[in-house]
Amino acid sequence: MQKAKILLVDDRPENLLALEAILSALDQTLVRASSGEEALKALLTDDFAVILLDVQMPGMDGFETAAHIKRRERTRDIPIIFLTAINHGPHHTFRGYAAGAVDYISKPFDPWVLRAKVSVFVDLYMKNCQLKEQAALLRLQVESDGQAALGAPLLSELSARLASVEEQAEALTKQLEGSPEPAAAATAAHLERKLAGLRRALEALRPGSN
């Protein structure tokens, strides 16, 4: 399966190096951006599983960058984790969440915690990619058959593939139960709802289902 892309946004090269060192164990594609403008340019052409965004940057800061990301239809649903060295209070944290962040981590951060948080969103991204592939395959088959009932072999194959994704999504949801990451848990629940909808669509295509 193709690797997920993680966007790292920080104006300090040493911070980008540190993030790369921490996240290299995830074995995903890490993309650097040294400014908000550079991040927005990268988001025009690539899909990302999650964005790690520094708050304090010259020119366009993290809050402004996040606002631009959330205004674009293509990128509005990408999870953003803010990284900040600022000794912020409740108002500052609220501003981060209001800008669209799913999490807010103060520097220096625990590498294990950061890696675990990013890993959750990478897993969710991969499951969503699998879901889109299954949905596209279903749509193509339905269109080519003129919405006629699918053949038993193809239905069985699609059902088996979907079952595999359902099993992984269920395991991920259980893993997130009681998690202090409500955004991640909510995203996992949304994924399960989409999978349930796809399962209903698949069952409706079986002969004699109407």
N, C-alpha and C. Protein backbone atom coordinates (compact mmCIF):
# COMPACT_ATOMS: atom_id res chain seq x y z
N MET A 1 0.84 -1.19 0.00
CA MET A 1 0.00 0.00 0.00
C MET A 1 0.88 1.25 0.00
N GLN A 2 0.41 2.28 -0.69
CA GLN A 2 1.17 3.52 -0.76
C GLN A 2 1.30 4.17 0.62
N LYS A 3 2.44 4.77 0.88
CA LYS A 3 2.67 5.40 2.17
C LYS A 3 1.87 6.68 2.30
N ALA A 4 1.52 7.01 3.55
CA ALA A 4 0.83 8.27 3.82
C ALA A 4 1.86 9.40 3.87
N LYS A 5 1.41 10.61 3.54
CA LYS A 5 2.29 11.78 3.61
C LYS A 5 1.94 12.61 4.83
N ILE A 6 2.99 13.03 5.54
CA ILE A 6 2.84 13.86 6.74
C ILE A 6 3.55 15.19 6.47
N LEU A 7 2.83 16.29 6.63
CA LEU A 7 3.40 17.61 6.36
C LEU A 7 3.95 18.23 7.64
N LEU A 8 5.24 18.56 7.63
CA LEU A 8 5.92 19.17 8.78
C LEU A 8 6.18 20.64 8.45
N VAL A 9 5.62 21.54 9.24
CA VAL A 9 5.73 22.97 8.94
C VAL A 9 6.41 23.70 10.11
N ASP A 10 7.61 24.21 9.85
CA ASP A 10 8.37 24.94 10.88
C ASP A 10 9.43 25.77 10.18
N ASP A 11 9.64 27.00 10.64
CA ASP A 11 10.62 27.86 9.98
C ASP A 11 12.06 27.57 10.43
N ARG A 12 12.22 26.71 11.44
CA ARG A 12 13.57 26.41 11.94
C ARG A 12 13.99 25.02 11.47
N PRO A 13 15.08 24.94 10.68
CA PRO A 13 15.54 23.65 10.14
C PRO A 13 15.82 22.61 11.23
N GLU A 14 16.34 23.05 12.39
CA GLU A 14 16.66 22.09 13.45
C GLU A 14 15.39 21.44 14.02
N ASN A 15 14.28 22.20 14.02
CA ASN A 15 13.01 21.64 14.49
C ASN A 15 12.47 20.61 13.49
N LEU A 16 12.64 20.89 12.21
CA LEU A 16 12.20 19.95 11.18
C LEU A 16 13.02 18.65 11.26
N LEU A 17 14.31 18.80 11.51
CA LEU A 17 15.17 17.63 11.66
C LEU A 17 14.73 16.78 12.84
N ALA A 18 14.39 17.44 13.94
CA ALA A 18 13.95 16.72 15.14
C ALA A 18 12.64 15.97 14.88
N LEU A 19 11.72 16.63 14.18
CA LEU A 19 10.45 15.98 13.85
C LEU A 19 10.67 14.76 12.96
N GLU A 20 11.55 14.90 11.98
CA GLU A 20 11.86 13.79 11.08
C GLU A 20 12.45 12.61 11.85
N ALA A 21 13.33 12.92 12.80
CA ALA A 21 13.95 11.87 13.60
C ALA A 21 12.90 11.12 14.44
N ILE A 22 11.96 11.87 15.00
CA ILE A 22 10.92 11.27 15.85
C ILE A 22 9.95 10.42 15.02
N LEU A 23 9.59 10.92 13.83
CA LEU A 23 8.54 10.27 13.05
C LEU A 23 9.05 9.25 12.02
N SER A 24 10.36 9.15 11.88
CA SER A 24 10.92 8.23 10.87
C SER A 24 10.52 6.79 11.14
N ALA A 25 10.30 6.45 12.42
CA ALA A 25 9.93 5.07 12.78
C ALA A 25 8.56 4.68 12.23
N LEU A 26 7.73 5.66 11.87
CA LEU A 26 6.41 5.35 11.32
C LEU A 26 6.51 4.87 9.87
N ASP A 27 7.66 5.08 9.25
CA ASP A 27 7.90 4.64 7.87
C ASP A 27 6.87 5.21 6.89
N GLN A 28 6.60 6.50 7.02
CA GLN A 28 5.71 7.19 6.09
C GLN A 28 6.52 8.27 5.37
N THR A 29 5.90 8.97 4.43
CA THR A 29 6.59 10.00 3.67
C THR A 29 6.48 11.34 4.41
N LEU A 30 7.62 11.90 4.81
CA LEU A 30 7.65 13.16 5.54
C LEU A 30 7.99 14.30 4.57
N VAL A 31 7.13 15.31 4.54
CA VAL A 31 7.32 16.44 3.62
C VAL A 31 7.57 17.70 4.44
N ARG A 32 8.65 18.41 4.12
CA ARG A 32 9.01 19.64 4.85
C ARG A 32 8.39 20.88 4.23
N ALA A 33 8.07 21.84 5.08
CA ALA A 33 7.69 23.18 4.63
C ALA A 33 8.24 24.15 5.67
N SER A 34 8.96 25.18 5.21
CA SER A 34 9.61 26.10 6.15
C SER A 34 8.81 27.38 6.38
N SER A 35 7.60 27.44 5.84
CA SER A 35 6.74 28.61 6.05
C SER A 35 5.29 28.22 5.77
N GLY A 36 4.38 29.09 6.19
CA GLY A 36 2.97 28.85 5.91
C GLY A 36 2.69 28.83 4.42
N GLU A 37 3.34 29.77 3.71
CA GLU A 37 3.14 29.84 2.26
C GLU A 37 3.60 28.55 1.57
N GLU A 38 4.75 28.04 2.02
CA GLU A 38 5.29 26.81 1.43
C GLU A 38 4.37 25.62 1.74
N ALA A 39 3.77 25.62 2.93
CA ALA A 39 2.85 24.55 3.29
C ALA A 39 1.62 24.58 2.40
N LEU A 40 1.07 25.76 2.17
CA LEU A 40 -0.13 25.88 1.33
C LEU A 40 0.17 25.45 -0.10
N LYS A 41 1.39 25.72 -0.57
CA LYS A 41 1.78 25.30 -1.92
C LYS A 41 1.84 23.78 -2.00
N ALA A 42 2.40 23.13 -0.97
CA ALA A 42 2.48 21.66 -0.96
C ALA A 42 1.09 21.04 -0.94
N LEU A 43 0.16 21.69 -0.26
CA LEU A 43 -1.19 21.16 -0.13
C LEU A 43 -2.00 21.28 -1.42
N LEU A 44 -1.51 22.05 -2.36
CA LEU A 44 -2.20 22.18 -3.65
C LEU A 44 -2.08 20.91 -4.49
N THR A 45 -1.00 20.18 -4.31
CA THR A 45 -0.72 19.04 -5.20
C THR A 45 -0.75 17.68 -4.51
N ASP A 46 -0.57 17.64 -3.19
CA ASP A 46 -0.48 16.35 -2.50
C ASP A 46 -1.57 16.20 -1.44
N ASP A 47 -1.92 14.95 -1.14
CA ASP A 47 -2.85 14.64 -0.06
C ASP A 47 -2.04 14.23 1.17
N PHE A 48 -2.43 14.74 2.33
CA PHE A 48 -1.69 14.47 3.56
C PHE A 48 -2.60 13.84 4.61
N ALA A 49 -2.01 12.94 5.40
CA ALA A 49 -2.75 12.28 6.47
C ALA A 49 -2.91 13.21 7.68
N VAL A 50 -1.89 14.03 7.94
CA VAL A 50 -1.90 14.92 9.10
C VAL A 50 -0.86 16.03 8.87
N ILE A 51 -1.08 17.17 9.49
CA ILE A 51 -0.16 18.31 9.39
C ILE A 51 0.34 18.67 10.78
N LEU A 52 1.66 18.74 10.96
CA LEU A 52 2.25 19.25 12.19
C LEU A 52 2.66 20.69 11.92
N LEU A 53 2.04 21.61 12.61
CA LEU A 53 2.16 23.03 12.25
C LEU A 53 2.68 23.87 13.42
N ASP A 54 3.84 24.49 13.22
CA ASP A 54 4.40 25.38 14.24
C ASP A 54 3.55 26.65 14.33
N VAL A 55 3.32 27.13 15.53
CA VAL A 55 2.50 28.33 15.71
C VAL A 55 3.29 29.60 15.39
N GLN A 56 4.48 29.71 15.97
CA GLN A 56 5.27 30.93 15.80
C GLN A 56 6.17 30.84 14.57
N MET A 57 5.77 31.55 13.51
CA MET A 57 6.59 31.62 12.30
C MET A 57 6.53 33.04 11.78
N PRO A 58 7.62 33.53 11.20
CA PRO A 58 7.61 34.88 10.63
C PRO A 58 6.67 34.94 9.43
N GLY A 59 6.08 36.10 9.21
CA GLY A 59 5.14 36.22 8.10
C GLY A 59 3.82 35.58 8.48
N MET A 60 3.41 34.58 7.74
CA MET A 60 2.16 33.88 8.02
C MET A 60 2.37 32.90 9.18
N ASP A 61 1.73 33.15 10.33
CA ASP A 61 1.94 32.26 11.47
C ASP A 61 1.05 31.02 11.36
N GLY A 62 1.14 30.15 12.36
CA GLY A 62 0.40 28.89 12.31
C GLY A 62 -1.11 29.08 12.28
N PHE A 63 -1.62 30.04 13.05
CA PHE A 63 -3.05 30.27 13.09
C PHE A 63 -3.58 30.69 11.71
N GLU A 64 -2.86 31.61 11.08
CA GLU A 64 -3.28 32.10 9.76
C GLU A 64 -3.18 30.99 8.71
N THR A 65 -2.10 30.21 8.80
CA THR A 65 -1.93 29.08 7.87
C THR A 65 -3.08 28.09 8.02
N ALA A 66 -3.43 27.77 9.26
CA ALA A 66 -4.53 26.83 9.52
C ALA A 66 -5.85 27.37 8.97
N ALA A 67 -6.05 28.66 9.12
CA ALA A 67 -7.30 29.27 8.61
C ALA A 67 -7.41 29.09 7.10
N HIS A 68 -6.29 29.28 6.38
CA HIS A 68 -6.29 29.08 4.93
C HIS A 68 -6.56 27.61 4.58
N ILE A 69 -5.96 26.70 5.34
CA ILE A 69 -6.14 25.26 5.09
C ILE A 69 -7.61 24.88 5.27
N LYS A 70 -8.24 25.39 6.31
CA LYS A 70 -9.63 25.03 6.61
C LYS A 70 -10.61 25.69 5.64
N ARG A 71 -10.19 26.76 4.96
CA ARG A 71 -11.09 27.40 4.00
C ARG A 71 -11.13 26.66 2.67
N ARG A 72 -10.09 25.88 2.38
CA ARG A 72 -10.05 25.15 1.11
C ARG A 72 -10.81 23.84 1.22
N GLU A 73 -11.67 23.58 0.27
CA GLU A 73 -12.46 22.35 0.29
C GLU A 73 -11.56 21.12 0.24
N ARG A 74 -10.49 21.19 -0.54
CA ARG A 74 -9.59 20.05 -0.72
C ARG A 74 -8.88 19.66 0.58
N THR A 75 -8.61 20.64 1.44
CA THR A 75 -7.76 20.40 2.60
C THR A 75 -8.46 20.57 3.95
N ARG A 76 -9.71 20.96 3.94
CA ARG A 76 -10.35 21.34 5.21
C ARG A 76 -10.45 20.20 6.23
N ASP A 77 -10.44 18.95 5.74
CA ASP A 77 -10.61 17.82 6.66
C ASP A 77 -9.29 17.20 7.13
N ILE A 78 -8.16 17.76 6.69
CA ILE A 78 -6.86 17.21 7.12
C ILE A 78 -6.63 17.60 8.59
N PRO A 79 -6.34 16.63 9.46
CA PRO A 79 -6.09 16.94 10.87
C PRO A 79 -4.83 17.82 11.03
N ILE A 80 -4.91 18.81 11.90
CA ILE A 80 -3.77 19.70 12.17
C ILE A 80 -3.40 19.58 13.64
N ILE A 81 -2.13 19.29 13.90
CA ILE A 81 -1.60 19.29 15.26
C ILE A 81 -0.68 20.50 15.39
N PHE A 82 -1.05 21.44 16.26
CA PHE A 82 -0.22 22.63 16.48
C PHE A 82 0.94 22.30 17.42
N LEU A 83 2.11 22.79 17.08
CA LEU A 83 3.29 22.67 17.94
C LEU A 83 3.69 24.08 18.35
N THR A 84 3.90 24.30 19.64
CA THR A 84 4.22 25.66 20.09
C THR A 84 5.18 25.65 21.26
N ALA A 85 6.06 26.65 21.27
CA ALA A 85 6.98 26.84 22.39
C ALA A 85 6.46 27.93 23.32
N ILE A 86 5.32 28.49 22.93
CA ILE A 86 4.74 29.58 23.72
C ILE A 86 4.15 29.05 25.02
N ASN A 87 4.40 29.75 26.11
CA ASN A 87 3.77 29.40 27.38
C ASN A 87 2.37 29.98 27.37
N HIS A 88 1.46 29.25 26.76
CA HIS A 88 0.14 29.79 26.48
C HIS A 88 -0.85 29.51 27.60
N GLY A 89 -1.86 30.36 27.65
CA GLY A 89 -2.95 30.16 28.60
C GLY A 89 -4.16 29.60 27.89
N PRO A 90 -5.29 29.48 28.59
CA PRO A 90 -6.51 28.90 28.01
C PRO A 90 -6.96 29.62 26.74
N HIS A 91 -6.83 30.97 26.72
CA HIS A 91 -7.28 31.73 25.55
C HIS A 91 -6.46 31.36 24.33
N HIS A 92 -5.15 31.21 24.53
CA HIS A 92 -4.26 30.88 23.41
C HIS A 92 -4.59 29.49 22.87
N THR A 93 -4.83 28.55 23.79
CA THR A 93 -5.19 27.18 23.39
C THR A 93 -6.51 27.18 22.63
N PHE A 94 -7.48 27.96 23.15
CA PHE A 94 -8.78 28.04 22.48
C PHE A 94 -8.62 28.58 21.06
N ARG A 95 -7.75 29.55 20.89
CA ARG A 95 -7.52 30.10 19.55
C ARG A 95 -7.02 29.01 18.59
N GLY A 96 -6.18 28.12 19.11
CA GLY A 96 -5.68 27.03 18.29
C GLY A 96 -6.78 26.09 17.85
N TYR A 97 -7.65 25.71 18.80
CA TYR A 97 -8.76 24.82 18.44
C TYR A 97 -9.75 25.53 17.52
N ALA A 98 -9.96 26.82 17.75
CA ALA A 98 -10.87 27.58 16.90
C ALA A 98 -10.34 27.66 15.47
N ALA A 99 -9.01 27.63 15.32
CA ALA A 99 -8.41 27.69 13.99
C ALA A 99 -8.49 26.35 13.27
N GLY A 100 -8.96 25.32 13.97
CA GLY A 100 -9.14 24.03 13.31
C GLY A 100 -8.20 22.94 13.76
N ALA A 101 -7.44 23.17 14.82
CA ALA A 101 -6.49 22.15 15.29
C ALA A 101 -7.24 21.00 15.95
N VAL A 102 -6.72 19.77 15.78
CA VAL A 102 -7.28 18.62 16.50
C VAL A 102 -6.49 18.39 17.79
N ASP A 103 -5.30 19.00 17.87
CA ASP A 103 -4.49 18.85 19.07
C ASP A 103 -3.52 20.01 19.18
N TYR A 104 -2.97 20.17 20.38
CA TYR A 104 -2.11 21.31 20.68
C TYR A 104 -1.00 20.81 21.59
N ILE A 105 0.22 20.75 21.10
CA ILE A 105 1.32 20.19 21.88
C ILE A 105 2.39 21.25 22.13
N SER A 106 2.80 21.39 23.39
CA SER A 106 3.82 22.37 23.75
C SER A 106 5.22 21.76 23.63
N LYS A 107 6.15 22.56 23.14
CA LYS A 107 7.56 22.15 23.08
C LYS A 107 8.21 22.46 24.43
N PRO A 108 9.17 21.66 24.87
CA PRO A 108 9.61 20.40 24.25
C PRO A 108 8.57 19.31 24.52
N PHE A 109 8.28 18.49 23.52
CA PHE A 109 7.26 17.48 23.66
C PHE A 109 7.88 16.09 23.80
N ASP A 110 7.09 15.17 24.33
CA ASP A 110 7.52 13.79 24.49
C ASP A 110 7.48 13.11 23.12
N PRO A 111 8.62 12.62 22.61
CA PRO A 111 8.63 11.99 21.29
C PRO A 111 7.67 10.82 21.16
N TRP A 112 7.52 10.03 22.23
CA TRP A 112 6.62 8.87 22.17
C TRP A 112 5.18 9.33 22.03
N VAL A 113 4.82 10.37 22.76
CA VAL A 113 3.44 10.89 22.70
C VAL A 113 3.15 11.44 21.31
N LEU A 114 4.07 12.24 20.78
CA LEU A 114 3.86 12.83 19.46
C LEU A 114 3.73 11.73 18.40
N ARG A 115 4.61 10.75 18.45
CA ARG A 115 4.58 9.67 17.47
C ARG A 115 3.27 8.89 17.56
N ALA A 116 2.79 8.66 18.78
CA ALA A 116 1.53 7.92 18.97
C ALA A 116 0.35 8.70 18.41
N LYS A 117 0.33 10.01 18.65
CA LYS A 117 -0.77 10.84 18.14
C LYS A 117 -0.78 10.85 16.61
N VAL A 118 0.39 11.02 16.01
CA VAL A 118 0.48 11.05 14.55
C VAL A 118 0.10 9.69 13.97
N SER A 119 0.50 8.63 14.65
CA SER A 119 0.21 7.27 14.18
C SER A 119 -1.30 7.02 14.08
N VAL A 120 -2.06 7.55 15.02
CA VAL A 120 -3.51 7.38 15.00
C VAL A 120 -4.10 7.98 13.73
N PHE A 121 -3.65 9.19 13.38
CA PHE A 121 -4.21 9.86 12.20
C PHE A 121 -3.73 9.22 10.91
N VAL A 122 -2.52 8.67 10.92
CA VAL A 122 -2.03 7.93 9.75
C VAL A 122 -2.90 6.68 9.54
N ASP A 123 -3.20 5.97 10.64
CA ASP A 123 -4.05 4.78 10.54
C ASP A 123 -5.42 5.13 9.99
N LEU A 124 -6.00 6.20 10.49
CA LEU A 124 -7.32 6.62 10.01
C LEU A 124 -7.28 7.00 8.53
N TYR A 125 -6.21 7.67 8.13
CA TYR A 125 -6.06 8.06 6.73
C TYR A 125 -5.99 6.83 5.84
N MET A 126 -5.20 5.83 6.25
CA MET A 126 -5.07 4.61 5.46
C MET A 126 -6.40 3.88 5.33
N LYS A 127 -7.17 3.84 6.44
CA LYS A 127 -8.47 3.18 6.39
C LYS A 127 -9.41 3.92 5.44
N ASN A 128 -9.35 5.25 5.47
CA ASN A 128 -10.19 6.03 4.57
C ASN A 128 -9.81 5.79 3.11
N CYS A 129 -8.51 5.65 2.85
CA CYS A 129 -8.05 5.37 1.48
C CYS A 129 -8.60 4.03 1.02
N GLN A 130 -8.55 3.02 1.90
CA GLN A 130 -9.09 1.70 1.56
C GLN A 130 -10.59 1.80 1.28
N LEU A 131 -11.27 2.58 2.10
CA LEU A 131 -12.71 2.75 1.94
C LEU A 131 -13.03 3.38 0.59
N LYS A 132 -12.27 4.40 0.21
CA LYS A 132 -12.50 5.06 -1.08
C LYS A 132 -12.26 4.11 -2.24
N GLU A 133 -11.24 3.27 -2.11
CA GLU A 133 -10.96 2.30 -3.17
C GLU A 133 -12.11 1.31 -3.33
N GLN A 134 -12.64 0.83 -2.21
CA GLN A 134 -13.76 -0.11 -2.28
C GLN A 134 -15.00 0.56 -2.87
N ALA A 135 -15.25 1.80 -2.46
CA ALA A 135 -16.41 2.53 -2.97
C ALA A 135 -16.28 2.77 -4.48
N ALA A 136 -15.08 3.11 -4.93
CA ALA A 136 -14.85 3.35 -6.36
C ALA A 136 -15.07 2.07 -7.16
N LEU A 137 -14.59 0.95 -6.62
CA LEU A 137 -14.77 -0.34 -7.29
C LEU A 137 -16.25 -0.69 -7.40
N LEU A 138 -16.97 -0.45 -6.33
CA LEU A 138 -18.41 -0.71 -6.35
C LEU A 138 -19.12 0.15 -7.39
N ARG A 139 -18.78 1.44 -7.40
CA ARG A 139 -19.43 2.36 -8.35
C ARG A 139 -19.17 1.94 -9.79
N LEU A 140 -17.92 1.60 -10.08
CA LEU A 140 -17.56 1.19 -11.44
C LEU A 140 -18.33 -0.06 -11.86
N GLN A 141 -18.43 -1.03 -10.95
CA GLN A 141 -19.12 -2.27 -11.27
C GLN A 141 -20.60 -2.04 -11.49
N VAL A 142 -21.20 -1.21 -10.64
CA VAL A 142 -22.63 -0.92 -10.76
C VAL A 142 -22.91 -0.20 -12.08
N GLU A 143 -22.04 0.78 -12.42
CA GLU A 143 -22.23 1.52 -13.66
C GLU A 143 -22.09 0.61 -14.88
N SER A 144 -21.10 -0.27 -14.86
CA SER A 144 -20.87 -1.14 -16.01
C SER A 144 -21.97 -2.18 -16.17
N ASP A 145 -22.62 -2.55 -15.06
CA ASP A 145 -23.69 -3.53 -15.12
C ASP A 145 -25.06 -2.88 -15.23
N GLY A 146 -25.06 -1.56 -15.36
CA GLY A 146 -26.34 -0.88 -15.45
C GLY A 146 -27.18 -1.09 -14.21
N GLN A 147 -26.51 -1.15 -13.04
CA GLN A 147 -27.14 -1.36 -11.74
C GLN A 147 -27.82 -2.72 -11.64
N ALA A 148 -27.38 -3.66 -12.46
CA ALA A 148 -27.89 -5.03 -12.33
C ALA A 148 -27.19 -5.71 -11.17
N ALA A 149 -27.72 -6.85 -10.76
CA ALA A 149 -27.10 -7.58 -9.65
C ALA A 149 -25.71 -8.03 -10.03
N LEU A 150 -24.76 -7.90 -9.12
CA LEU A 150 -23.38 -8.31 -9.39
C LEU A 150 -23.25 -9.82 -9.37
N GLY A 151 -22.25 -10.33 -10.07
CA GLY A 151 -21.97 -11.76 -10.05
C GLY A 151 -21.51 -12.18 -8.67
N ALA A 152 -21.82 -13.43 -8.31
CA ALA A 152 -21.48 -13.95 -6.98
C ALA A 152 -20.00 -13.88 -6.67
N PRO A 153 -19.09 -14.22 -7.62
CA PRO A 153 -17.65 -14.17 -7.31
C PRO A 153 -17.18 -12.77 -6.94
N LEU A 154 -17.63 -11.76 -7.71
CA LEU A 154 -17.19 -10.39 -7.43
C LEU A 154 -17.78 -9.90 -6.12
N LEU A 155 -19.05 -10.24 -5.87
CA LEU A 155 -19.67 -9.84 -4.61
C LEU A 155 -18.91 -10.42 -3.43
N SER A 156 -18.52 -11.67 -3.53
CA SER A 156 -17.78 -12.32 -2.45
C SER A 156 -16.44 -11.65 -2.23
N GLU A 157 -15.77 -11.29 -3.33
CA GLU A 157 -14.46 -10.63 -3.22
C GLU A 157 -14.60 -9.27 -2.56
N LEU A 158 -15.59 -8.50 -3.00
CA LEU A 158 -15.82 -7.17 -2.42
C LEU A 158 -16.17 -7.28 -0.94
N SER A 159 -17.01 -8.26 -0.62
CA SER A 159 -17.43 -8.44 0.77
C SER A 159 -16.24 -8.80 1.66
N ALA A 160 -15.34 -9.64 1.15
CA ALA A 160 -14.16 -10.03 1.93
C ALA A 160 -13.23 -8.84 2.15
N ARG A 161 -13.04 -8.04 1.09
CA ARG A 161 -12.18 -6.85 1.23
C ARG A 161 -12.77 -5.88 2.24
N LEU A 162 -14.07 -5.67 2.14
CA LEU A 162 -14.73 -4.74 3.06
C LEU A 162 -14.65 -5.26 4.49
N ALA A 163 -14.80 -6.57 4.66
CA ALA A 163 -14.73 -7.16 6.01
C ALA A 163 -13.36 -6.91 6.64
N SER A 164 -12.32 -6.97 5.83
CA SER A 164 -10.97 -6.71 6.34
C SER A 164 -10.84 -5.28 6.83
N VAL A 165 -11.36 -4.33 6.06
CA VAL A 165 -11.31 -2.92 6.47
C VAL A 165 -12.17 -2.70 7.72
N GLU A 166 -13.35 -3.34 7.75
CA GLU A 166 -14.24 -3.21 8.91
C GLU A 166 -13.56 -3.72 10.19
N GLU A 167 -12.86 -4.84 10.06
CA GLU A 167 -12.17 -5.42 11.22
C GLU A 167 -11.09 -4.47 11.74
N GLN A 168 -10.32 -3.89 10.82
CA GLN A 168 -9.27 -2.96 11.23
C GLN A 168 -9.85 -1.70 11.85
N ALA A 169 -10.95 -1.20 11.28
CA ALA A 169 -11.58 0.00 11.82
C ALA A 169 -12.14 -0.25 13.21
N GLU A 170 -12.73 -1.44 13.41
CA GLU A 170 -13.27 -1.79 14.72
C GLU A 170 -12.16 -1.88 15.77
N ALA A 171 -11.03 -2.47 15.37
CA ALA A 171 -9.90 -2.58 16.29
C ALA A 171 -9.37 -1.20 16.66
N LEU A 172 -9.33 -0.30 15.69
CA LEU A 172 -8.84 1.06 15.93
C LEU A 172 -9.78 1.80 16.87
N THR A 173 -11.09 1.63 16.65
CA THR A 173 -12.08 2.29 17.51
C THR A 173 -11.95 1.81 18.96
N LYS A 174 -11.78 0.48 19.14
CA LYS A 174 -11.61 -0.07 20.50
C LYS A 174 -10.35 0.48 21.15
N GLN A 175 -9.30 0.62 20.33
CA GLN A 175 -8.03 1.14 20.83
C GLN A 175 -8.20 2.58 21.33
N LEU A 176 -9.11 3.32 20.69
CA LEU A 176 -9.29 4.74 21.04
C LEU A 176 -10.34 4.96 22.12
N GLU A 177 -11.04 3.89 22.56
CA GLU A 177 -12.05 4.04 23.61
C GLU A 177 -11.40 4.56 24.88
N GLY A 178 -11.98 5.61 25.42
CA GLY A 178 -11.43 6.20 26.63
C GLY A 178 -10.19 7.03 26.37
N SER A 179 -9.88 7.26 25.10
CA SER A 179 -8.69 8.03 24.74
C SER A 179 -8.89 9.50 25.06
N PRO A 180 -7.80 10.18 25.46
CA PRO A 180 -7.91 11.63 25.70
C PRO A 180 -7.94 12.41 24.39
N GLU A 181 -7.98 11.71 23.25
CA GLU A 181 -8.00 12.36 21.93
C GLU A 181 -9.41 12.28 21.35
N PRO A 182 -10.33 13.15 21.75
CA PRO A 182 -11.71 13.08 21.27
C PRO A 182 -11.81 13.24 19.76
N ALA A 183 -10.95 14.05 19.17
CA ALA A 183 -11.01 14.26 17.72
C ALA A 183 -10.69 12.97 16.98
N ALA A 184 -9.69 12.24 17.46
CA ALA A 184 -9.32 10.97 16.82
C ALA A 184 -10.44 9.95 16.97
N ALA A 185 -11.03 9.88 18.15
CA ALA A 185 -12.12 8.94 18.38
C ALA A 185 -13.32 9.28 17.50
N ALA A 186 -13.61 10.57 17.36
CA ALA A 186 -14.74 10.99 16.53
C ALA A 186 -14.49 10.66 15.06
N THR A 187 -13.24 10.82 14.61
CA THR A 187 -12.91 10.49 13.23
C THR A 187 -13.05 8.99 12.99
N ALA A 188 -12.63 8.18 13.96
CA ALA A 188 -12.76 6.73 13.83
C ALA A 188 -14.23 6.32 13.77
N ALA A 189 -15.06 6.96 14.59
CA ALA A 189 -16.49 6.65 14.58
C ALA A 189 -17.11 7.03 13.24
N HIS A 190 -16.67 8.15 12.68
CA HIS A 190 -17.17 8.59 11.37
C HIS A 190 -16.79 7.57 10.30
N LEU A 191 -15.57 7.04 10.40
CA LEU A 191 -15.12 6.03 9.45
C LEU A 191 -15.99 4.78 9.55
N GLU A 192 -16.31 4.36 10.77
CA GLU A 192 -17.16 3.17 10.94
C GLU A 192 -18.55 3.39 10.35
N ARG A 193 -19.08 4.60 10.47
CA ARG A 193 -20.39 4.90 9.89
C ARG A 193 -20.34 4.81 8.36
N LYS A 194 -19.25 5.30 7.79
CA LYS A 194 -19.10 5.23 6.33
C LYS A 194 -18.97 3.79 5.87
N LEU A 195 -18.27 2.99 6.65
CA LEU A 195 -18.13 1.58 6.31
C LEU A 195 -19.49 0.87 6.38
N ALA A 196 -20.29 1.23 7.38
CA ALA A 196 -21.62 0.62 7.52
C ALA A 196 -22.48 0.97 6.30
N GLY A 197 -22.37 2.21 5.83
CA GLY A 197 -23.12 2.62 4.65
C GLY A 197 -22.68 1.85 3.41
N LEU A 198 -21.38 1.63 3.29
CA LEU A 198 -20.86 0.88 2.16
C LEU A 198 -21.30 -0.57 2.23
N ARG A 199 -21.35 -1.14 3.43
CA ARG A 199 -21.81 -2.52 3.61
C ARG A 199 -23.27 -2.64 3.19
N ARG A 200 -24.11 -1.66 3.55
CA ARG A 200 -25.52 -1.69 3.16
C ARG A 200 -25.66 -1.62 1.64
N ALA A 201 -24.82 -0.76 1.03
CA ALA A 201 -24.87 -0.64 -0.43
C ALA A 201 -24.48 -1.94 -1.11
N LEU A 202 -23.48 -2.61 -0.54
CA LEU A 202 -23.02 -3.88 -1.11
C LEU A 202 -24.11 -4.94 -0.98
N GLU A 203 -24.74 -5.01 0.19
CA GLU A 203 -25.77 -6.02 0.40
C GLU A 203 -26.97 -5.77 -0.52
N ALA A 204 -27.24 -4.50 -0.81
CA ALA A 204 -28.38 -4.16 -1.68
C ALA A 204 -28.16 -4.65 -3.11
N LEU A 205 -26.90 -4.91 -3.49
CA LEU A 205 -26.59 -5.35 -4.84
C LEU A 205 -26.73 -6.86 -5.01
N ARG A 206 -26.95 -7.58 -3.90
CA ARG A 206 -27.05 -9.03 -4.01
C ARG A 206 -28.36 -9.41 -4.70
N PRO A 207 -28.34 -10.47 -5.49
CA PRO A 207 -29.56 -10.92 -6.15
C PRO A 207 -30.66 -11.20 -5.14
N GLY A 208 -31.87 -10.72 -5.44
CA GLY A 208 -33.00 -10.98 -4.57
C GLY A 208 -33.07 -10.08 -3.36
N SER A 209 -32.20 -9.04 -3.32
CA SER A 209 -32.20 -8.15 -2.16
C SER A 209 -33.32 -7.12 -2.23
N ASN A 210 -33.86 -6.90 -3.44
CA ASN A 210 -34.91 -5.89 -3.60
C ASN A 210 -36.29 -6.49 -3.32
